[in-house]
Amino acid sequence: MRNALRHKTPAQSGPQGVFLMRLIPCRHSRLAILCTSALFFAAAAQGAPQRHRTPLGRQLAAIASHFGGKVSFAAVDLKTGEHFGLAGNRPVATASVIKLPVMVEAFYKMQEGKLHWSRRVKETGFDRVRGSGILQDLNQRINLTLGDAITLMIDLSDNTASNMVIRTVGIDSVNARMRNLGLKHTKLFGYVFHEKDSSDPEAKKFGLGETTADDMVHLLTLIRQHHILTPAACDQMLKILSKQRDLNAFPRYTSNLPGVTWEHKTGALEDLRNDVGIAETPAGPIVMAGFAYDSPDHQWTADNAALLVLARLAQAALTHFLPAQAAK
């Protein structure tokens, strides 16, 4: 989502600690949510004392240090539980990454019978906004289904479709669901390209939404491991994420690795680029979340410095987790 306004995040002194952990398997969905959340936050709290103790940790910190802006990054190998983070618990602006939680809430409402994939959603003048997507250039009476709008919201990051879905599911519902799933720092503040609550300091600071890399890794893990909704619903969300059209960040240097494909969601503002997703690999799924912000490069090009640092972080992580494949 392109935005002429810069949304600042809290001042930081630079890359923070890198942590390594192993996840404990949890058999039941509700227990899994609580266990996974607790482990992520415990690991984040231990980050600073373990700074740069591993080769990958040192490499991630080095990549981030050459960026010129700030970086938050987290990655976990779902097969082994090995988890690395770089300031993964630092609150950051989501830009269009917040559309992932919006999709999750839409699927919950469909599972509850409150909404339906084939339900027609009428576009209003309020919904239609500038920025990413195609609906702004089409006839307003195109008669989309909710499923169409969700797909456009994720794969083209269509801002008009996003407002249609947000209006249909409700902002408060999205935020309540994320809290219930253990995402303590993830919040949607309003509609895309509409004024946010000026009395909310977080909305003023972060714009459309706020999250952490740890929160996004946690949410994607829940989806990939079928710990929320039904397996069919999780797989449908993953299928939508696999058709993401923006491939300039995480997939940039990794999609040519044998057997590697991505299910992910990107986001962008003038001074930031974000990517959160799952690398499906022959050795198992790797979940990552990366936020590169306060970037000195404000160009809207494929070689934007923030995109490149995210691409290098993903490459370093997959090289670590998949040394044999990465060497080919």
C-alpha atoms as a PDB file:
ATOM      1  CA  MET A   1       0.000   0.000   0.000  1.00  0.00           C
ATOM      2  CA  ARG A   2       1.622   3.236  -1.111  1.00  0.00           C
ATOM      3  CA  ASN A   3       1.259   6.127   1.253  1.00  0.00           C
ATOM      4  CA  ALA A   4       2.747   9.579   0.964  1.00  0.00           C
ATOM      5  CA  LEU A   5       2.827   9.904   4.758  1.00  0.00           C
ATOM      6  CA  ARG A   6       5.683   8.449   6.734  1.00  0.00           C
ATOM      7  CA  HIS A   7       4.613   6.484   9.805  1.00  0.00           C
ATOM      8  CA  LYS A   8       7.373   6.429  12.376  1.00  0.00           C
ATOM      9  CA  THR A   9       7.988   3.586  14.793  1.00  0.00           C
ATOM     10  CA  PRO A  10       9.636   3.988  18.196  1.00  0.00           C
ATOM     11  CA  ALA A  11      13.240   5.154  18.081  1.00  0.00           C
ATOM     12  CA  GLN A  12      15.711   2.330  18.385  1.00  0.00           C
ATOM     13  CA  SER A  13      19.476   2.266  18.565  1.00  0.00           C
ATOM     14  CA  GLY A  14      19.945  -0.435  15.947  1.00  0.00           C
ATOM     15  CA  PRO A  15      19.643  -4.210  15.538  1.00  0.00           C
ATOM     16  CA  GLN A  16      18.753  -5.961  18.759  1.00  0.00           C
ATOM     17  CA  GLY A  17      19.497  -9.458  19.956  1.00  0.00           C
ATOM     18  CA  VAL A  18      19.250 -12.660  17.976  1.00  0.00           C
ATOM     19  CA  PHE A  19      17.590 -15.598  19.691  1.00  0.00           C
ATOM     20  CA  LEU A  20      17.479 -19.328  19.053  1.00  0.00           C
ATOM     21  CA  MET A  21      14.854 -21.657  20.461  1.00  0.00           C
ATOM     22  CA  ARG A  22      13.077 -24.965  19.958  1.00  0.00           C
ATOM     23  CA  LEU A  23       9.317 -25.183  19.963  1.00  0.00           C
ATOM     24  CA  ILE A  24       7.536 -27.733  22.142  1.00  0.00           C
ATOM     25  CA  PRO A  25       4.883 -29.701  20.202  1.00  0.00           C
ATOM     26  CA  CYS A  26       1.296 -29.116  21.396  1.00  0.00           C
ATOM     27  CA  ARG A  27      -1.438 -31.520  20.406  1.00  0.00           C
ATOM     28  CA  HIS A  28      -4.635 -29.545  20.907  1.00  0.00           C
ATOM     29  CA  SER A  29      -5.556 -26.334  19.068  1.00  0.00           C
ATOM     30  CA  ARG A  30      -6.326 -24.063  22.045  1.00  0.00           C
ATOM     31  CA  LEU A  31      -3.322 -25.364  23.983  1.00  0.00           C
ATOM     32  CA  ALA A  32      -1.169 -25.012  20.876  1.00  0.00           C
ATOM     33  CA  ILE A  33      -2.102 -21.354  20.552  1.00  0.00           C
ATOM     34  CA  LEU A  34      -1.176 -20.682  24.171  1.00  0.00           C
ATOM     35  CA  CYS A  35       2.044 -22.720  24.049  1.00  0.00           C
ATOM     36  CA  THR A  36       3.272 -21.218  20.791  1.00  0.00           C
ATOM     37  CA  SER A  37       2.516 -17.687  21.926  1.00  0.00           C
ATOM     38  CA  ALA A  38       4.242 -18.139  25.271  1.00  0.00           C
ATOM     39  CA  LEU A  39       7.351 -19.588  23.666  1.00  0.00           C
ATOM     40  CA  PHE A  40       7.635 -16.809  21.096  1.00  0.00           C
ATOM     41  CA  PHE A  41       7.402 -14.079  23.694  1.00  0.00           C
ATOM     42  CA  ALA A  42       9.783 -15.868  26.061  1.00  0.00           C
ATOM     43  CA  ALA A  43      12.346 -16.200  23.294  1.00  0.00           C
ATOM     44  CA  ALA A  44      11.998 -12.554  22.354  1.00  0.00           C
ATOM     45  CA  ALA A  45      12.617 -11.511  25.925  1.00  0.00           C
ATOM     46  CA  GLN A  46      15.827 -13.539  25.937  1.00  0.00           C
ATOM     47  CA  GLY A  47      17.069 -11.956  22.709  1.00  0.00           C
ATOM     48  CA  ALA A  48      19.523  -9.381  23.992  1.00  0.00           C
ATOM     49  CA  PRO A  49      21.632 -11.692  26.198  1.00  0.00           C
ATOM     50  CA  GLN A  50      22.134 -14.128  23.281  1.00  0.00           C
ATOM     51  CA  ARG A  51      23.113 -11.480  20.768  1.00  0.00           C
ATOM     52  CA  HIS A  52      25.280 -12.690  17.868  1.00  0.00           C
ATOM     53  CA  ARG A  53      26.033 -16.072  19.494  1.00  0.00           C
ATOM     54  CA  THR A  54      25.287 -18.111  16.367  1.00  0.00           C
ATOM     55  CA  PRO A  55      26.680 -17.848  12.817  1.00  0.00           C
ATOM     56  CA  LEU A  56      23.220 -17.090  11.419  1.00  0.00           C
ATOM     57  CA  GLY A  57      22.579 -14.559  14.163  1.00  0.00           C
ATOM     58  CA  ARG A  58      25.787 -12.733  13.304  1.00  0.00           C
ATOM     59  CA  GLN A  59      24.954 -12.872   9.608  1.00  0.00           C
ATOM     60  CA  LEU A  60      21.445 -11.475  10.103  1.00  0.00           C
ATOM     61  CA  ALA A  61      22.800  -8.636  12.251  1.00  0.00           C
ATOM     62  CA  ALA A  62      25.457  -7.848   9.637  1.00  0.00           C
ATOM     63  CA  ILE A  63      22.897  -7.722   6.838  1.00  0.00           C
ATOM     64  CA  ALA A  64      20.673  -5.418   8.881  1.00  0.00           C
ATOM     65  CA  SER A  65      23.560  -3.143   9.853  1.00  0.00           C
ATOM     66  CA  HIS A  66      24.319  -2.310   6.207  1.00  0.00           C
ATOM     67  CA  PHE A  67      20.750  -1.313   5.393  1.00  0.00           C
ATOM     68  CA  GLY A  68      20.722   2.271   6.635  1.00  0.00           C
ATOM     69  CA  GLY A  69      17.319   1.930   8.290  1.00  0.00           C
ATOM     70  CA  LYS A  70      15.881  -0.355  10.965  1.00  0.00           C
ATOM     71  CA  VAL A  71      15.039  -4.054  10.683  1.00  0.00           C
ATOM     72  CA  SER A  72      12.835  -6.476  12.584  1.00  0.00           C
ATOM     73  CA  PHE A  73      12.984 -10.125  11.527  1.00  0.00           C
ATOM     74  CA  ALA A  74      11.940 -13.556  12.798  1.00  0.00           C
ATOM     75  CA  ALA A  75      12.209 -17.031  11.282  1.00  0.00           C
ATOM     76  CA  VAL A  76      11.299 -20.518  12.499  1.00  0.00           C
ATOM     77  CA  ASP A  77      11.814 -23.973  11.027  1.00  0.00           C
ATOM     78  CA  LEU A  78       8.510 -25.711  11.740  1.00  0.00           C
ATOM     79  CA  LYS A  79      10.079 -29.150  11.379  1.00  0.00           C
ATOM     80  CA  THR A  80      12.886 -28.704  13.921  1.00  0.00           C
ATOM     81  CA  GLY A  81      11.567 -25.752  15.945  1.00  0.00           C
ATOM     82  CA  GLU A  82      14.788 -23.799  15.413  1.00  0.00           C
ATOM     83  CA  HIS A  83      13.929 -20.109  15.671  1.00  0.00           C
ATOM     84  CA  PHE A  84      15.978 -16.990  14.997  1.00  0.00           C
ATOM     85  CA  GLY A  85      14.958 -13.399  15.621  1.00  0.00           C
ATOM     86  CA  LEU A  86      16.359  -9.916  15.124  1.00  0.00           C
ATOM     87  CA  ALA A  87      14.384  -7.412  17.211  1.00  0.00           C
ATOM     88  CA  GLY A  88      11.403  -9.657  16.528  1.00  0.00           C
ATOM     89  CA  ASN A  89       9.357  -8.268  19.433  1.00  0.00           C
ATOM     90  CA  ARG A  90       9.727  -4.618  18.388  1.00  0.00           C
ATOM     91  CA  PRO A  91       6.396  -2.964  17.393  1.00  0.00           C
ATOM     92  CA  VAL A  92       6.376  -1.927  13.738  1.00  0.00           C
ATOM     93  CA  ALA A  93       4.006  -0.445  11.176  1.00  0.00           C
ATOM     94  CA  THR A  94       2.239  -3.139   9.194  1.00  0.00           C
ATOM     95  CA  ALA A  95       1.266  -1.294   6.023  1.00  0.00           C
ATOM     96  CA  SER A  96      -0.641  -3.905   3.962  1.00  0.00           C
ATOM     97  CA  VAL A  97       0.597  -6.852   6.056  1.00  0.00           C
ATOM     98  CA  ILE A  98      -2.391  -6.145   8.348  1.00  0.00           C
ATOM     99  CA  LYS A  99      -4.565  -7.533   5.539  1.00  0.00           C
ATOM    100  CA  LEU A 100      -3.471 -11.026   6.606  1.00  0.00           C
ATOM    101  CA  PRO A 101      -5.260 -10.730   9.998  1.00  0.00           C
ATOM    102  CA  VAL A 102      -8.260  -9.271   8.153  1.00  0.00           C
ATOM    103  CA  MET A 103      -8.394 -12.382   5.959  1.00  0.00           C
ATOM    104  CA  VAL A 104      -8.148 -14.640   9.020  1.00  0.00           C
ATOM    105  CA  GLU A 105     -11.117 -12.911  10.635  1.00  0.00           C
ATOM    106  CA  ALA A 106     -13.144 -13.214   7.414  1.00  0.00           C
ATOM    107  CA  PHE A 107     -12.508 -16.974   7.410  1.00  0.00           C
ATOM    108  CA  TYR A 108     -13.562 -17.217  11.049  1.00  0.00           C
ATOM    109  CA  LYS A 109     -16.829 -15.465  10.274  1.00  0.00           C
ATOM    110  CA  MET A 110     -17.405 -17.799   7.336  1.00  0.00           C
ATOM    111  CA  GLN A 111     -16.776 -20.829   9.544  1.00  0.00           C
ATOM    112  CA  GLU A 112     -19.248 -19.442  12.084  1.00  0.00           C
ATOM    113  CA  GLY A 113     -21.860 -19.105   9.353  1.00  0.00           C
ATOM    114  CA  LYS A 114     -22.018 -15.312   9.641  1.00  0.00           C
ATOM    115  CA  LEU A 115     -20.523 -14.769   6.174  1.00  0.00           C
ATOM    116  CA  HIS A 116     -20.215 -16.801   3.003  1.00  0.00           C
ATOM    117  CA  TRP A 117     -17.482 -16.979   0.349  1.00  0.00           C
ATOM    118  CA  SER A 118     -20.029 -16.431  -2.431  1.00  0.00           C
ATOM    119  CA  ARG A 119     -21.826 -13.534  -0.706  1.00  0.00           C
ATOM    120  CA  ARG A 120     -22.004 -10.429  -2.891  1.00  0.00           C
ATOM    121  CA  VAL A 121     -20.272  -7.400  -1.382  1.00  0.00           C
ATOM    122  CA  LYS A 122     -21.248  -4.038  -2.797  1.00  0.00           C
ATOM    123  CA  GLU A 123     -18.506  -1.482  -3.265  1.00  0.00           C
ATOM    124  CA  THR A 124     -19.301   1.973  -1.886  1.00  0.00           C
ATOM    125  CA  GLY A 125     -17.781   5.351  -2.532  1.00  0.00           C
ATOM    126  CA  PHE A 126     -16.173   5.090   0.900  1.00  0.00           C
ATOM    127  CA  ASP A 127     -14.359   1.893  -0.096  1.00  0.00           C
ATOM    128  CA  ARG A 128     -12.787   3.226  -3.285  1.00  0.00           C
ATOM    129  CA  VAL A 129      -9.315   4.640  -2.603  1.00  0.00           C
ATOM    130  CA  ARG A 130      -6.018   5.170  -4.379  1.00  0.00           C
ATOM    131  CA  GLY A 131      -2.844   3.107  -4.135  1.00  0.00           C
ATOM    132  CA  SER A 132      -2.337  -0.557  -4.886  1.00  0.00           C
ATOM    133  CA  GLY A 133      -4.911  -2.663  -6.681  1.00  0.00           C
ATOM    134  CA  ILE A 134      -7.140  -2.593  -9.743  1.00  0.00           C
ATOM    135  CA  LEU A 135     -10.687  -1.969  -8.484  1.00  0.00           C
ATOM    136  CA  GLN A 136     -10.155   1.796  -8.455  1.00  0.00           C
ATOM    137  CA  ASP A 137      -9.946   1.602 -12.265  1.00  0.00           C
ATOM    138  CA  LEU A 138     -12.989  -0.633 -12.808  1.00  0.00           C
ATOM    139  CA  ASN A 139     -16.737  -0.101 -12.836  1.00  0.00           C
ATOM    140  CA  GLN A 140     -17.979   0.268  -9.269  1.00  0.00           C
ATOM    141  CA  ARG A 141     -20.894  -2.089  -9.985  1.00  0.00           C
ATOM    142  CA  ILE A 142     -18.645  -5.066 -10.740  1.00  0.00           C
ATOM    143  CA  ASN A 143     -20.633  -7.212  -8.251  1.00  0.00           C
ATOM    144  CA  LEU A 144     -17.762  -8.974  -6.459  1.00  0.00           C
ATOM    145  CA  THR A 145     -18.174 -11.841  -4.050  1.00  0.00           C
ATOM    146  CA  LEU A 146     -16.545 -11.752  -0.622  1.00  0.00           C
ATOM    147  CA  GLY A 147     -14.111 -14.410  -1.874  1.00  0.00           C
ATOM    148  CA  ASP A 148     -13.173 -12.183  -4.816  1.00  0.00           C
ATOM    149  CA  ALA A 149     -12.533  -9.252  -2.495  1.00  0.00           C
ATOM    150  CA  ILE A 150     -10.381 -11.344  -0.123  1.00  0.00           C
ATOM    151  CA  THR A 151      -8.319 -12.663  -3.035  1.00  0.00           C
ATOM    152  CA  LEU A 152      -7.784  -9.162  -4.450  1.00  0.00           C
ATOM    153  CA  MET A 153      -6.913  -7.863  -0.964  1.00  0.00           C
ATOM    154  CA  ILE A 154      -4.134 -10.429  -0.552  1.00  0.00           C
ATOM    155  CA  ASP A 155      -2.754 -11.146  -4.021  1.00  0.00           C
ATOM    156  CA  LEU A 156      -2.874  -7.611  -5.465  1.00  0.00           C
ATOM    157  CA  SER A 157      -3.045  -5.874  -2.070  1.00  0.00           C
ATOM    158  CA  ASP A 158      -6.042  -4.036  -3.518  1.00  0.00           C
ATOM    159  CA  ASN A 159      -6.874  -1.185  -1.154  1.00  0.00           C
ATOM    160  CA  THR A 160     -10.467  -0.800  -2.301  1.00  0.00           C
ATOM    161  CA  ALA A 161     -11.110  -4.527  -1.874  1.00  0.00           C
ATOM    162  CA  SER A 162      -9.452  -4.310   1.545  1.00  0.00           C
ATOM    163  CA  ASN A 163     -11.854  -1.619   2.690  1.00  0.00           C
ATOM    164  CA  MET A 164     -14.763  -3.756   1.457  1.00  0.00           C
ATOM    165  CA  VAL A 165     -13.562  -6.738   3.487  1.00  0.00           C
ATOM    166  CA  ILE A 166     -12.739  -4.644   6.571  1.00  0.00           C
ATOM    167  CA  ARG A 167     -16.197  -3.059   6.450  1.00  0.00           C
ATOM    168  CA  THR A 168     -17.785  -6.499   6.132  1.00  0.00           C
ATOM    169  CA  VAL A 169     -15.942  -8.170   9.032  1.00  0.00           C
ATOM    170  CA  GLY A 170     -15.461  -5.169  11.334  1.00  0.00           C
ATOM    171  CA  ILE A 171     -12.332  -3.554  12.756  1.00  0.00           C
ATOM    172  CA  ASP A 172     -13.119  -4.493  16.365  1.00  0.00           C
ATOM    173  CA  SER A 173     -13.695  -8.114  15.341  1.00  0.00           C
ATOM    174  CA  VAL A 174     -10.272  -8.317  13.693  1.00  0.00           C
ATOM    175  CA  ASN A 175      -8.556  -6.919  16.768  1.00  0.00           C
ATOM    176  CA  ALA A 176     -10.460  -9.120  19.210  1.00  0.00           C
ATOM    177  CA  ARG A 177      -9.617 -12.208  17.160  1.00  0.00           C
ATOM    178  CA  MET A 178      -5.907 -11.391  17.099  1.00  0.00           C
ATOM    179  CA  ARG A 179      -5.894 -10.960  20.881  1.00  0.00           C
ATOM    180  CA  ASN A 180      -7.659 -14.285  21.304  1.00  0.00           C
ATOM    181  CA  LEU A 181      -5.047 -15.962  19.110  1.00  0.00           C
ATOM    182  CA  GLY A 182      -2.227 -14.624  21.272  1.00  0.00           C
ATOM    183  CA  LEU A 183      -1.063 -11.751  19.053  1.00  0.00           C
ATOM    184  CA  LYS A 184      -0.524  -9.166  21.763  1.00  0.00           C
ATOM    185  CA  HIS A 185       0.923  -6.436  19.555  1.00  0.00           C
ATOM    186  CA  THR A 186      -1.213  -6.683  16.411  1.00  0.00           C
ATOM    187  CA  LYS A 187      -3.938  -4.118  15.797  1.00  0.00           C
ATOM    188  CA  LEU A 188      -5.869  -2.710  12.842  1.00  0.00           C
ATOM    189  CA  PHE A 189      -6.478   1.021  13.370  1.00  0.00           C
ATOM    190  CA  GLY A 190      -8.921   1.807  10.572  1.00  0.00           C
ATOM    191  CA  TYR A 191      -9.644   1.720   6.867  1.00  0.00           C
ATOM    192  CA  VAL A 192      -7.039   2.092   4.129  1.00  0.00           C
ATOM    193  CA  PHE A 193      -6.426   5.745   3.233  1.00  0.00           C
ATOM    194  CA  HIS A 194      -9.024   7.030   5.665  1.00  0.00           C
ATOM    195  CA  GLU A 195      -8.226   9.210   8.642  1.00  0.00           C
ATOM    196  CA  LYS A 196      -7.428   7.266  11.809  1.00  0.00           C
ATOM    197  CA  ASP A 197      -8.443   8.120  15.360  1.00  0.00           C
ATOM    198  CA  SER A 198      -6.344  11.182  16.179  1.00  0.00           C
ATOM    199  CA  SER A 199      -6.749  10.527  19.905  1.00  0.00           C
ATOM    200  CA  ASP A 200      -4.984   7.144  19.641  1.00  0.00           C
ATOM    201  CA  PRO A 201      -1.195   7.676  19.859  1.00  0.00           C
ATOM    202  CA  GLU A 202      -0.521   4.236  18.361  1.00  0.00           C
ATOM    203  CA  ALA A 203      -2.714   4.994  15.346  1.00  0.00           C
ATOM    204  CA  LYS A 204      -0.846   8.262  14.825  1.00  0.00           C
ATOM    205  CA  LYS A 205       2.468   6.435  15.075  1.00  0.00           C
ATOM    206  CA  PHE A 206       1.788   3.328  13.001  1.00  0.00           C
ATOM    207  CA  GLY A 207      -0.926   4.331  10.544  1.00  0.00           C
ATOM    208  CA  LEU A 208      -3.048   1.461   9.216  1.00  0.00           C
ATOM    209  CA  GLY A 209      -1.823  -1.183  11.639  1.00  0.00           C
ATOM    210  CA  GLU A 210       0.730  -2.306  14.208  1.00  0.00           C
ATOM    211  CA  THR A 211       2.372  -5.691  14.765  1.00  0.00           C
ATOM    212  CA  THR A 212       5.669  -7.447  15.490  1.00  0.00           C
ATOM    213  CA  ALA A 213       7.643  -9.975  13.483  1.00  0.00           C
ATOM    214  CA  ASP A 214       7.043 -12.489  16.295  1.00  0.00           C
ATOM    215  CA  ASP A 215       3.278 -11.953  16.070  1.00  0.00           C
ATOM    216  CA  MET A 216       3.238 -12.568  12.322  1.00  0.00           C
ATOM    217  CA  VAL A 217       5.367 -15.710  12.642  1.00  0.00           C
ATOM    218  CA  HIS A 218       2.979 -16.916  15.333  1.00  0.00           C
ATOM    219  CA  LEU A 219      -0.121 -16.293  13.159  1.00  0.00           C
ATOM    220  CA  LEU A 220       1.387 -17.948  10.091  1.00  0.00           C
ATOM    221  CA  THR A 221       2.478 -20.919  12.210  1.00  0.00           C
ATOM    222  CA  LEU A 222      -1.063 -21.376  13.483  1.00  0.00           C
ATOM    223  CA  ILE A 223      -2.345 -21.382   9.901  1.00  0.00           C
ATOM    224  CA  ARG A 224       0.336 -23.680   8.514  1.00  0.00           C
ATOM    225  CA  GLN A 225      -0.050 -26.200  11.339  1.00  0.00           C
ATOM    226  CA  HIS A 226      -3.873 -26.135  11.156  1.00  0.00           C
ATOM    227  CA  HIS A 227      -4.167 -24.972  14.768  1.00  0.00           C
ATOM    228  CA  ILE A 228      -6.985 -22.538  13.921  1.00  0.00           C
ATOM    229  CA  LEU A 229     -10.190 -22.913  11.912  1.00  0.00           C
ATOM    230  CA  THR A 230     -10.512 -26.138   9.901  1.00  0.00           C
ATOM    231  CA  PRO A 231      -7.666 -27.701   7.897  1.00  0.00           C
ATOM    232  CA  ALA A 232      -9.604 -26.902   4.703  1.00  0.00           C
ATOM    233  CA  ALA A 233      -9.932 -23.233   5.676  1.00  0.00           C
ATOM    234  CA  CYS A 234      -6.224 -22.991   6.533  1.00  0.00           C
ATOM    235  CA  ASP A 235      -5.283 -24.600   3.237  1.00  0.00           C
ATOM    236  CA  GLN A 236      -7.524 -22.205   1.339  1.00  0.00           C
ATOM    237  CA  MET A 237      -5.829 -19.223   2.991  1.00  0.00           C
ATOM    238  CA  LEU A 238      -2.424 -20.700   2.137  1.00  0.00           C
ATOM    239  CA  LYS A 239      -3.527 -21.140  -1.472  1.00  0.00           C
ATOM    240  CA  ILE A 240      -4.498 -17.469  -1.661  1.00  0.00           C
ATOM    241  CA  LEU A 241      -1.158 -16.437  -0.110  1.00  0.00           C
ATOM    242  CA  SER A 242       0.688 -18.607  -2.648  1.00  0.00           C
ATOM    243  CA  LYS A 243      -0.645 -16.443  -5.496  1.00  0.00           C
ATOM    244  CA  GLN A 244       0.917 -13.228  -4.163  1.00  0.00           C
ATOM    245  CA  ARG A 245       2.023 -11.094  -7.129  1.00  0.00           C
ATOM    246  CA  ASP A 246       4.716  -9.082  -5.308  1.00  0.00           C
ATOM    247  CA  LEU A 247       7.877 -11.211  -5.454  1.00  0.00           C
ATOM    248  CA  ASN A 248      10.586  -8.604  -4.869  1.00  0.00           C
ATOM    249  CA  ALA A 249      11.347  -9.344  -1.197  1.00  0.00           C
ATOM    250  CA  PHE A 250      11.462 -12.840   0.341  1.00  0.00           C
ATOM    251  CA  PRO A 251      11.188 -14.803  -2.939  1.00  0.00           C
ATOM    252  CA  ARG A 252      13.740 -12.636  -4.739  1.00  0.00           C
ATOM    253  CA  TYR A 253      16.859 -14.768  -4.099  1.00  0.00           C
ATOM    254  CA  THR A 254      15.140 -17.935  -2.864  1.00  0.00           C
ATOM    255  CA  SER A 255      12.396 -18.970  -5.282  1.00  0.00           C
ATOM    256  CA  ASN A 256      15.023 -20.483  -7.602  1.00  0.00           C
ATOM    257  CA  LEU A 257      16.071 -22.978  -4.911  1.00  0.00           C
ATOM    258  CA  PRO A 258      14.907 -26.517  -5.782  1.00  0.00           C
ATOM    259  CA  GLY A 259      11.442 -27.194  -4.405  1.00  0.00           C
ATOM    260  CA  VAL A 260      11.049 -23.805  -2.683  1.00  0.00           C
ATOM    261  CA  THR A 261       7.737 -21.939  -3.046  1.00  0.00           C
ATOM    262  CA  TRP A 262       6.232 -19.099  -1.042  1.00  0.00           C
ATOM    263  CA  GLU A 263       2.914 -18.273   0.640  1.00  0.00           C
ATOM    264  CA  HIS A 264       3.231 -14.684   1.784  1.00  0.00           C
ATOM    265  CA  LYS A 265       1.869 -11.148   2.151  1.00  0.00           C
ATOM    266  CA  THR A 266       3.778  -7.943   1.531  1.00  0.00           C
ATOM    267  CA  GLY A 267       3.318  -4.338   2.572  1.00  0.00           C
ATOM    268  CA  ALA A 268       4.872  -1.010   1.648  1.00  0.00           C
ATOM    269  CA  LEU A 269       4.942   2.644   2.569  1.00  0.00           C
ATOM    270  CA  GLU A 270       7.293   5.331   1.373  1.00  0.00           C
ATOM    271  CA  ASP A 271      10.030   4.475   3.868  1.00  0.00           C
ATOM    272  CA  LEU A 272       9.304   0.808   4.600  1.00  0.00           C
ATOM    273  CA  ARG A 273       8.863  -2.595   2.989  1.00  0.00           C
ATOM    274  CA  ASN A 274       7.468  -5.661   4.756  1.00  0.00           C
ATOM    275  CA  ASP A 275       7.102  -9.346   3.900  1.00  0.00           C
ATOM    276  CA  VAL A 276       5.650 -12.148   6.026  1.00  0.00           C
ATOM    277  CA  GLY A 277       5.209 -15.690   4.813  1.00  0.00           C
ATOM    278  CA  ILE A 278       6.001 -19.367   4.638  1.00  0.00           C
ATOM    279  CA  ALA A 279       8.715 -20.937   2.489  1.00  0.00           C
ATOM    280  CA  GLU A 280       7.608 -24.429   1.535  1.00  0.00           C
ATOM    281  CA  THR A 281      10.797 -26.469   1.133  1.00  0.00           C
ATOM    282  CA  PRO A 282      11.752 -30.120   0.602  1.00  0.00           C
ATOM    283  CA  ALA A 283      12.937 -30.171   4.229  1.00  0.00           C
ATOM    284  CA  GLY A 284       9.733 -28.671   5.631  1.00  0.00           C
ATOM    285  CA  PRO A 285       8.109 -25.241   6.017  1.00  0.00           C
ATOM    286  CA  ILE A 286      10.088 -22.205   7.153  1.00  0.00           C
ATOM    287  CA  VAL A 287       8.055 -19.280   8.501  1.00  0.00           C
ATOM    288  CA  MET A 288       9.490 -15.756   8.304  1.00  0.00           C
ATOM    289  CA  ALA A 289       8.441 -12.183   8.996  1.00  0.00           C
ATOM    290  CA  GLY A 290      10.511  -9.169   8.037  1.00  0.00           C
ATOM    291  CA  PHE A 291      10.039  -5.408   8.410  1.00  0.00           C
ATOM    292  CA  ALA A 292      12.551  -2.916   6.985  1.00  0.00           C
ATOM    293  CA  TYR A 293      11.622   0.655   7.877  1.00  0.00           C
ATOM    294  CA  ASP A 294      12.961   4.186   8.349  1.00  0.00           C
ATOM    295  CA  SER A 295      14.601   3.482   5.008  1.00  0.00           C
ATOM    296  CA  PRO A 296      16.683   6.219   3.373  1.00  0.00           C
ATOM    297  CA  ASP A 297      15.511   4.890  -0.015  1.00  0.00           C
ATOM    298  CA  HIS A 298      12.021   6.151  -0.889  1.00  0.00           C
ATOM    299  CA  GLN A 299      12.006   4.982  -4.499  1.00  0.00           C
ATOM    300  CA  TRP A 300       9.114   2.807  -5.705  1.00  0.00           C
ATOM    301  CA  THR A 301      11.354   0.404  -7.594  1.00  0.00           C
ATOM    302  CA  ALA A 302      12.086  -3.319  -7.476  1.00  0.00           C
ATOM    303  CA  ASP A 303      15.591  -2.513  -6.227  1.00  0.00           C
ATOM    304  CA  ASN A 304      14.502  -0.409  -3.276  1.00  0.00           C
ATOM    305  CA  ALA A 305      17.025  -0.832  -0.436  1.00  0.00           C
ATOM    306  CA  ALA A 306      14.369  -2.073   1.998  1.00  0.00           C
ATOM    307  CA  LEU A 307      13.275  -4.787  -0.434  1.00  0.00           C
ATOM    308  CA  LEU A 308      16.872  -5.855  -0.922  1.00  0.00           C
ATOM    309  CA  VAL A 309      17.596  -6.195   2.792  1.00  0.00           C
ATOM    310  CA  LEU A 310      14.490  -8.372   3.242  1.00  0.00           C
ATOM    311  CA  ALA A 311      15.556 -10.501   0.299  1.00  0.00           C
ATOM    312  CA  ARG A 312      19.029 -10.995   1.791  1.00  0.00           C
ATOM    313  CA  LEU A 313      17.633 -11.880   5.206  1.00  0.00           C
ATOM    314  CA  ALA A 314      15.386 -14.542   3.670  1.00  0.00           C
ATOM    315  CA  GLN A 315      18.281 -15.869   1.610  1.00  0.00           C
ATOM    316  CA  ALA A 316      20.518 -16.099   4.686  1.00  0.00           C
ATOM    317  CA  ALA A 317      17.824 -17.893   6.686  1.00  0.00           C
ATOM    318  CA  LEU A 318      17.093 -20.438   3.967  1.00  0.00           C
ATOM    319  CA  THR A 319      20.803 -20.970   3.354  1.00  0.00           C
ATOM    320  CA  HIS A 320      21.093 -21.868   7.031  1.00  0.00           C
ATOM    321  CA  PHE A 321      18.031 -24.101   7.150  1.00  0.00           C
ATOM    322  CA  LEU A 322      18.643 -25.691   3.738  1.00  0.00           C
ATOM    323  CA  PRO A 323      22.424 -25.757   3.203  1.00  0.00           C
ATOM    324  CA  ALA A 324      22.301 -28.572   0.643  1.00  0.00           C
ATOM    325  CA  GLN A 325      19.597 -26.984  -1.447  1.00  0.00           C
ATOM    326  CA  ALA A 326      21.056 -23.489  -1.202  1.00  0.00           C
ATOM    327  CA  ALA A 327      24.456 -24.732  -2.368  1.00  0.00           C
ATOM    328  CA  LYS A 328      23.047 -26.008  -5.678  1.00  0.00           C
END
